[in-house]
Amino acid sequence: MYFVIDQAPDGHFQFFIKSSDHETVAMSKSFDTKEAAQHAVKAIMNAHLGSESRIEDLV
């Protein structure tokens, strides 16, 4: 898995989470700056999931 940060035509930034075969697994919301997108990616990469982590099914 790896992250790709891209700039949209409107100037905002977002990141994509890609699988090892380069398929897009997820896409982030828009960020105003590249630095904000990078900060979000770093937070995900440094996350330590604990016992309170969960998946919420909204469907």
C-alpha atoms as a PDB file:
ATOM      1  CA  MET A   1       0.000   0.000   0.000  1.00  0.00           C
ATOM      2  CA  TYR A   2       1.211   3.489  -0.768  1.00  0.00           C
ATOM      3  CA  PHE A   3      -0.085   7.051  -0.936  1.00  0.00           C
ATOM      4  CA  VAL A   4      -0.221   9.451  -3.885  1.00  0.00           C
ATOM      5  CA  ILE A   5      -0.860  13.161  -3.332  1.00  0.00           C
ATOM      6  CA  ASP A   6      -2.363  14.971  -6.307  1.00  0.00           C
ATOM      7  CA  GLN A   7      -3.576  18.474  -7.054  1.00  0.00           C
ATOM      8  CA  ALA A   8      -7.031  18.878  -8.576  1.00  0.00           C
ATOM      9  CA  PRO A   9      -7.740  21.434 -11.319  1.00  0.00           C
ATOM     10  CA  ASP A  10      -9.404  23.687  -8.713  1.00  0.00           C
ATOM     11  CA  GLY A  11      -6.095  23.927  -6.805  1.00  0.00           C
ATOM     12  CA  HIS A  12      -7.064  21.685  -3.893  1.00  0.00           C
ATOM     13  CA  PHE A  13      -5.057  18.609  -2.908  1.00  0.00           C
ATOM     14  CA  GLN A  14      -6.148  15.095  -2.070  1.00  0.00           C
ATOM     15  CA  PHE A  15      -4.451  11.780  -1.572  1.00  0.00           C
ATOM     16  CA  PHE A  16      -5.162   8.334  -2.906  1.00  0.00           C
ATOM     17  CA  ILE A  17      -4.364   5.082  -1.154  1.00  0.00           C
ATOM     18  CA  LYS A  18      -3.089   2.592  -3.710  1.00  0.00           C
ATOM     19  CA  SER A  19      -2.691  -1.176  -3.415  1.00  0.00           C
ATOM     20  CA  SER A  20       0.498  -3.004  -4.378  1.00  0.00           C
ATOM     21  CA  ASP A  21      -0.971  -3.573  -7.861  1.00  0.00           C
ATOM     22  CA  HIS A  22      -1.529   0.203  -8.214  1.00  0.00           C
ATOM     23  CA  GLU A  23      -5.319   0.079  -7.880  1.00  0.00           C
ATOM     24  CA  THR A  24      -6.968   2.955  -5.996  1.00  0.00           C
ATOM     25  CA  VAL A  25      -8.302   1.637  -2.687  1.00  0.00           C
ATOM     26  CA  ALA A  26      -9.433   4.934  -1.177  1.00  0.00           C
ATOM     27  CA  MET A  27      -9.484   8.650  -1.826  1.00  0.00           C
ATOM     28  CA  SER A  28      -9.331  11.454   0.725  1.00  0.00           C
ATOM     29  CA  LYS A  29     -11.339  14.607   1.070  1.00  0.00           C
ATOM     30  CA  SER A  30      -9.962  17.824  -0.429  1.00  0.00           C
ATOM     31  CA  PHE A  31      -7.313  19.826   1.404  1.00  0.00           C
ATOM     32  CA  ASP A  32      -6.498  23.493   0.856  1.00  0.00           C
ATOM     33  CA  THR A  33      -2.721  22.922   0.911  1.00  0.00           C
ATOM     34  CA  LYS A  34      -0.289  20.185   0.009  1.00  0.00           C
ATOM     35  CA  GLU A  35       1.111  20.386   3.532  1.00  0.00           C
ATOM     36  CA  ALA A  36      -2.324  19.603   5.020  1.00  0.00           C
ATOM     37  CA  ALA A  37      -2.627  16.532   2.785  1.00  0.00           C
ATOM     38  CA  GLN A  38       0.883  15.429   3.758  1.00  0.00           C
ATOM     39  CA  HIS A  39       0.031  15.874   7.446  1.00  0.00           C
ATOM     40  CA  ALA A  40      -3.026  13.622   7.053  1.00  0.00           C
ATOM     41  CA  VAL A  41      -0.956  10.947   5.284  1.00  0.00           C
ATOM     42  CA  LYS A  42       1.693  11.068   8.026  1.00  0.00           C
ATOM     43  CA  ALA A  43      -1.006  10.746  10.700  1.00  0.00           C
ATOM     44  CA  ILE A  44      -2.362   7.627   8.985  1.00  0.00           C
ATOM     45  CA  MET A  45       1.108   6.131   8.561  1.00  0.00           C
ATOM     46  CA  ASN A  46       1.946   6.735  12.234  1.00  0.00           C
ATOM     47  CA  ALA A  47      -1.408   5.556  13.614  1.00  0.00           C
ATOM     48  CA  HIS A  48      -1.380   2.859  16.245  1.00  0.00           C
ATOM     49  CA  LEU A  49      -4.748   1.141  16.296  1.00  0.00           C
ATOM     50  CA  GLY A  50      -5.913   0.230  19.765  1.00  0.00           C
ATOM     51  CA  SER A  51      -8.739  -1.710  21.301  1.00  0.00           C
ATOM     52  CA  GLU A  52     -11.110   1.243  20.816  1.00  0.00           C
ATOM     53  CA  SER A  53     -10.658   1.203  17.032  1.00  0.00           C
ATOM     54  CA  ARG A  54     -13.652  -0.037  15.121  1.00  0.00           C
ATOM     55  CA  ILE A  55     -15.453  -0.109  11.815  1.00  0.00           C
ATOM     56  CA  GLU A  56     -18.850   1.567  11.730  1.00  0.00           C
ATOM     57  CA  ASP A  57     -21.309   0.220   9.190  1.00  0.00           C
ATOM     58  CA  LEU A  58     -23.606   3.016   8.101  1.00  0.00           C
ATOM     59  CA  VAL A  59     -25.488   0.968   5.514  1.00  0.00           C
END
